[in-house]
Amino acid sequence: MRSPQRQSATASFRRMVIMVFLCFSIPESMRGNQSAVMWASVTYFLMGSIAYTFVNIPHGSLAAALTQNANERSKLTNACRHRCPRCGAQALGRTH
């Protein structure tokens, strides 16, 4: 049986994938006119505000589900927030 956190994270990931797909797939009838800009704006807003929130909330509460120790939770949270962006920058070749 899957945990509630995993079910929530999986559902959130699916929503985010759908919103990314909708954001970059403009319907054929809207291409080449102002409605394409409106479509992109609305779907980008929905993806950025609503779908991202569904992903971020389970991810933010993951440390609390992993350990009861406050020091370990702090280490987990800080490791992700500080090291992950550095790893991404290094992967892109943008190191200082």
N, C-alpha and C. Protein backbone atom coordinates (compact mmCIF):
# COMPACT_ATOMS: atom_id res chain seq x y z
N MET A 1 0.84 -1.19 0.00
CA MET A 1 0.00 0.00 0.00
C MET A 1 0.88 1.25 0.00
N ARG A 2 0.51 2.20 -0.78
CA ARG A 2 1.28 3.44 -0.89
C ARG A 2 0.92 4.40 0.22
N SER A 3 1.93 5.14 0.67
CA SER A 3 1.70 6.11 1.73
C SER A 3 0.92 7.31 1.19
N PRO A 4 0.22 8.04 2.04
CA PRO A 4 -0.52 9.22 1.59
C PRO A 4 0.41 10.28 0.99
N GLN A 5 1.62 10.41 1.54
CA GLN A 5 2.57 11.39 1.00
C GLN A 5 2.97 11.03 -0.43
N ARG A 6 3.20 9.75 -0.66
CA ARG A 6 3.60 9.32 -1.99
C ARG A 6 2.46 9.50 -2.99
N GLN A 7 1.24 9.18 -2.57
CA GLN A 7 0.09 9.37 -3.45
C GLN A 7 -0.08 10.84 -3.80
N SER A 8 0.08 11.71 -2.82
CA SER A 8 -0.05 13.13 -3.05
C SER A 8 1.04 13.64 -3.99
N ALA A 9 2.26 13.19 -3.77
CA ALA A 9 3.37 13.62 -4.62
C ALA A 9 3.18 13.13 -6.05
N THR A 10 2.71 11.90 -6.22
CA THR A 10 2.49 11.36 -7.55
C THR A 10 1.39 12.12 -8.28
N ALA A 11 0.30 12.40 -7.59
CA ALA A 11 -0.79 13.17 -8.20
C ALA A 11 -0.33 14.57 -8.55
N SER A 12 0.48 15.17 -7.69
CA SER A 12 0.98 16.52 -7.95
C SER A 12 1.89 16.54 -9.16
N PHE A 13 2.73 15.53 -9.28
CA PHE A 13 3.63 15.44 -10.42
C PHE A 13 2.83 15.31 -11.72
N ARG A 14 1.79 14.51 -11.69
CA ARG A 14 0.95 14.35 -12.89
C ARG A 14 0.31 15.67 -13.29
N ARG A 15 -0.19 16.42 -12.30
CA ARG A 15 -0.79 17.72 -12.60
C ARG A 15 0.23 18.66 -13.22
N MET A 16 1.45 18.65 -12.69
CA MET A 16 2.49 19.53 -13.21
C MET A 16 2.84 19.16 -14.65
N VAL A 17 2.95 17.87 -14.94
CA VAL A 17 3.25 17.42 -16.30
C VAL A 17 2.15 17.85 -17.26
N ILE A 18 0.90 17.72 -16.85
CA ILE A 18 -0.21 18.14 -17.70
C ILE A 18 -0.14 19.63 -17.97
N MET A 19 0.14 20.42 -16.94
CA MET A 19 0.20 21.88 -17.12
C MET A 19 1.37 22.30 -18.00
N VAL A 20 2.51 21.63 -17.88
CA VAL A 20 3.64 21.94 -18.76
C VAL A 20 3.28 21.60 -20.19
N PHE A 21 2.63 20.47 -20.40
CA PHE A 21 2.21 20.09 -21.75
C PHE A 21 1.24 21.13 -22.33
N LEU A 22 0.24 21.52 -21.53
CA LEU A 22 -0.73 22.51 -22.02
C LEU A 22 -0.09 23.86 -22.29
N CYS A 23 0.89 24.21 -21.49
CA CYS A 23 1.55 25.50 -21.65
C CYS A 23 2.27 25.60 -23.00
N PHE A 24 2.86 24.49 -23.43
CA PHE A 24 3.64 24.53 -24.67
C PHE A 24 2.94 23.92 -25.87
N SER A 25 1.67 23.58 -25.73
CA SER A 25 0.93 23.06 -26.88
C SER A 25 -0.28 23.96 -27.13
N ILE A 26 -0.10 24.89 -28.01
CA ILE A 26 -1.16 25.84 -28.34
C ILE A 26 -2.09 25.17 -29.36
N PRO A 27 -3.40 25.23 -29.12
CA PRO A 27 -4.33 24.63 -30.09
C PRO A 27 -4.17 25.24 -31.49
N GLU A 28 -4.40 24.41 -32.47
CA GLU A 28 -4.21 24.81 -33.87
C GLU A 28 -5.03 26.05 -34.24
N SER A 29 -6.24 26.16 -33.72
CA SER A 29 -7.10 27.30 -34.07
C SER A 29 -6.60 28.62 -33.48
N MET A 30 -5.71 28.58 -32.51
CA MET A 30 -5.22 29.80 -31.87
C MET A 30 -3.87 30.26 -32.40
N ARG A 31 -3.24 29.49 -33.20
CA ARG A 31 -1.89 29.82 -33.67
C ARG A 31 -1.91 31.01 -34.61
N GLY A 32 -0.95 31.89 -34.40
CA GLY A 32 -0.78 33.02 -35.31
C GLY A 32 -1.61 34.24 -34.97
N ASN A 33 -2.30 34.28 -33.86
CA ASN A 33 -3.06 35.47 -33.49
C ASN A 33 -2.92 35.75 -32.00
N GLN A 34 -3.62 36.76 -31.52
CA GLN A 34 -3.50 37.19 -30.12
C GLN A 34 -3.98 36.15 -29.12
N SER A 35 -4.88 35.30 -29.53
CA SER A 35 -5.38 34.29 -28.60
C SER A 35 -4.28 33.30 -28.21
N ALA A 36 -3.26 33.14 -29.04
CA ALA A 36 -2.14 32.27 -28.69
C ALA A 36 -1.38 32.85 -27.51
N VAL A 37 -1.22 34.17 -27.49
CA VAL A 37 -0.55 34.83 -26.36
C VAL A 37 -1.39 34.67 -25.10
N MET A 38 -2.70 34.82 -25.23
CA MET A 38 -3.59 34.66 -24.09
C MET A 38 -3.52 33.22 -23.56
N TRP A 39 -3.54 32.24 -24.47
CA TRP A 39 -3.43 30.83 -24.06
C TRP A 39 -2.13 30.60 -23.29
N ALA A 40 -1.03 31.07 -23.83
CA ALA A 40 0.26 30.89 -23.18
C ALA A 40 0.29 31.58 -21.81
N SER A 41 -0.28 32.76 -21.72
CA SER A 41 -0.29 33.49 -20.45
C SER A 41 -1.10 32.78 -19.39
N VAL A 42 -2.29 32.34 -19.74
CA VAL A 42 -3.17 31.66 -18.78
C VAL A 42 -2.57 30.33 -18.34
N THR A 43 -2.12 29.53 -19.28
CA THR A 43 -1.56 28.23 -18.90
C THR A 43 -0.26 28.39 -18.13
N TYR A 44 0.55 29.39 -18.45
CA TYR A 44 1.77 29.63 -17.69
C TYR A 44 1.44 30.05 -16.26
N PHE A 45 0.43 30.89 -16.11
CA PHE A 45 0.00 31.29 -14.77
C PHE A 45 -0.48 30.09 -13.98
N LEU A 46 -1.33 29.26 -14.59
CA LEU A 46 -1.85 28.08 -13.91
C LEU A 46 -0.72 27.11 -13.53
N MET A 47 0.23 26.94 -14.45
CA MET A 47 1.35 26.06 -14.17
C MET A 47 2.20 26.63 -13.03
N GLY A 48 2.50 27.91 -13.09
CA GLY A 48 3.40 28.51 -12.13
C GLY A 48 2.81 28.71 -10.76
N SER A 49 1.54 28.97 -10.68
CA SER A 49 0.96 29.25 -9.36
C SER A 49 0.26 28.03 -8.77
N ILE A 50 -0.57 27.39 -9.53
CA ILE A 50 -1.38 26.30 -8.98
C ILE A 50 -0.64 24.96 -9.02
N ALA A 51 -0.17 24.56 -10.17
CA ALA A 51 0.48 23.25 -10.28
C ALA A 51 1.76 23.20 -9.47
N TYR A 52 2.54 24.28 -9.47
CA TYR A 52 3.77 24.29 -8.69
C TYR A 52 3.48 24.18 -7.20
N THR A 53 2.40 24.79 -6.75
CA THR A 53 2.02 24.69 -5.35
C THR A 53 1.71 23.25 -4.97
N PHE A 54 1.03 22.53 -5.85
CA PHE A 54 0.73 21.12 -5.58
C PHE A 54 2.00 20.29 -5.46
N VAL A 55 3.05 20.66 -6.17
CA VAL A 55 4.31 19.93 -6.09
C VAL A 55 5.11 20.37 -4.87
N ASN A 56 5.11 21.66 -4.59
CA ASN A 56 5.96 22.21 -3.54
C ASN A 56 5.49 21.84 -2.13
N ILE A 57 4.21 21.75 -1.89
CA ILE A 57 3.71 21.44 -0.55
C ILE A 57 4.13 20.04 -0.09
N PRO A 58 3.92 18.98 -0.88
CA PRO A 58 4.40 17.66 -0.42
C PRO A 58 5.94 17.62 -0.30
N HIS A 59 6.63 18.29 -1.22
CA HIS A 59 8.09 18.30 -1.15
C HIS A 59 8.57 19.01 0.10
N GLY A 60 7.92 20.10 0.47
CA GLY A 60 8.30 20.85 1.66
C GLY A 60 8.04 20.10 2.95
N SER A 61 7.04 19.24 2.96
CA SER A 61 6.73 18.50 4.18
C SER A 61 7.44 17.15 4.24
N LEU A 62 8.25 16.85 3.26
CA LEU A 62 8.92 15.56 3.22
C LEU A 62 9.89 15.37 4.38
N ALA A 63 10.63 16.41 4.76
CA ALA A 63 11.60 16.28 5.86
C ALA A 63 10.89 15.91 7.16
N ALA A 64 9.73 16.47 7.40
CA ALA A 64 8.98 16.15 8.63
C ALA A 64 8.51 14.71 8.62
N ALA A 65 8.24 14.16 7.45
CA ALA A 65 7.81 12.77 7.37
C ALA A 65 8.98 11.79 7.52
N LEU A 66 10.19 12.26 7.21
CA LEU A 66 11.35 11.38 7.26
C LEU A 66 11.93 11.21 8.66
N THR A 67 11.89 12.28 9.47
CA THR A 67 12.51 12.20 10.79
C THR A 67 11.78 13.08 11.80
N GLN A 68 11.87 12.69 13.06
CA GLN A 68 11.28 13.49 14.14
C GLN A 68 12.31 14.44 14.76
N ASN A 69 13.58 14.21 14.48
CA ASN A 69 14.65 15.01 15.05
C ASN A 69 14.74 16.36 14.32
N ALA A 70 14.65 17.45 15.08
CA ALA A 70 14.66 18.79 14.48
C ALA A 70 15.99 19.09 13.79
N ASN A 71 17.10 18.63 14.33
CA ASN A 71 18.40 18.89 13.69
C ASN A 71 18.52 18.16 12.35
N GLU A 72 18.04 16.94 12.29
CA GLU A 72 18.07 16.19 11.03
C GLU A 72 17.15 16.84 9.99
N ARG A 73 15.98 17.29 10.41
CA ARG A 73 15.06 17.98 9.48
C ARG A 73 15.72 19.23 8.92
N SER A 74 16.41 19.97 9.79
CA SER A 74 17.10 21.18 9.35
C SER A 74 18.19 20.86 8.34
N LYS A 75 18.94 19.80 8.60
CA LYS A 75 20.00 19.40 7.66
C LYS A 75 19.42 18.99 6.32
N LEU A 76 18.33 18.22 6.34
CA LEU A 76 17.70 17.79 5.09
C LEU A 76 17.19 18.99 4.27
N THR A 77 16.54 19.91 4.95
CA THR A 77 15.99 21.08 4.28
C THR A 77 17.09 21.96 3.71
N ASN A 78 18.11 22.21 4.50
CA ASN A 78 19.21 23.06 4.05
C ASN A 78 20.01 22.42 2.93
N ALA A 79 20.21 21.10 3.00
CA ALA A 79 20.96 20.42 1.95
C ALA A 79 20.28 20.59 0.60
N CYS A 80 18.98 20.44 0.60
CA CYS A 80 18.25 20.56 -0.67
C CYS A 80 18.22 22.00 -1.17
N ARG A 81 18.00 22.94 -0.28
CA ARG A 81 17.87 24.34 -0.71
C ARG A 81 19.19 24.97 -1.09
N HIS A 82 20.30 24.49 -0.53
CA HIS A 82 21.58 25.12 -0.81
C HIS A 82 22.45 24.34 -1.79
N ARG A 83 22.38 23.03 -1.75
CA ARG A 83 23.25 22.24 -2.61
C ARG A 83 22.66 21.97 -3.98
N CYS A 84 21.36 21.78 -4.06
CA CYS A 84 20.74 21.46 -5.35
C CYS A 84 20.92 22.57 -6.39
N PRO A 85 20.72 23.83 -6.04
CA PRO A 85 20.98 24.87 -7.04
C PRO A 85 22.44 24.91 -7.50
N ARG A 86 23.36 24.64 -6.58
CA ARG A 86 24.78 24.61 -6.97
C ARG A 86 25.05 23.47 -7.95
N CYS A 87 24.46 22.32 -7.71
CA CYS A 87 24.65 21.18 -8.61
C CYS A 87 24.09 21.48 -9.99
N GLY A 88 22.92 22.15 -10.01
CA GLY A 88 22.35 22.53 -11.30
C GLY A 88 23.20 23.53 -12.03
N ALA A 89 23.77 24.50 -11.30
CA ALA A 89 24.64 25.49 -11.93
C ALA A 89 25.90 24.84 -12.46
N GLN A 90 26.45 23.90 -11.73
CA GLN A 90 27.64 23.21 -12.20
C GLN A 90 27.34 22.37 -13.43
N ALA A 91 26.18 21.74 -13.45
CA ALA A 91 25.79 20.93 -14.61
C ALA A 91 25.66 21.80 -15.86
N LEU A 92 25.25 23.05 -15.67
CA LEU A 92 25.11 23.97 -16.80
C LEU A 92 26.39 24.72 -17.11
N GLY A 93 27.41 24.49 -16.29
CA GLY A 93 28.69 25.14 -16.52
C GLY A 93 28.75 26.57 -16.04
N ARG A 94 27.90 26.92 -15.08
CA ARG A 94 27.87 28.29 -14.58
C ARG A 94 28.41 28.33 -13.16
N THR A 95 29.65 28.04 -13.00
CA THR A 95 30.26 28.08 -11.67
C THR A 95 31.05 29.36 -11.50
N HIS A 96 31.21 29.79 -10.25
CA HIS A 96 31.98 31.00 -10.00
C HIS A 96 33.40 30.62 -9.67
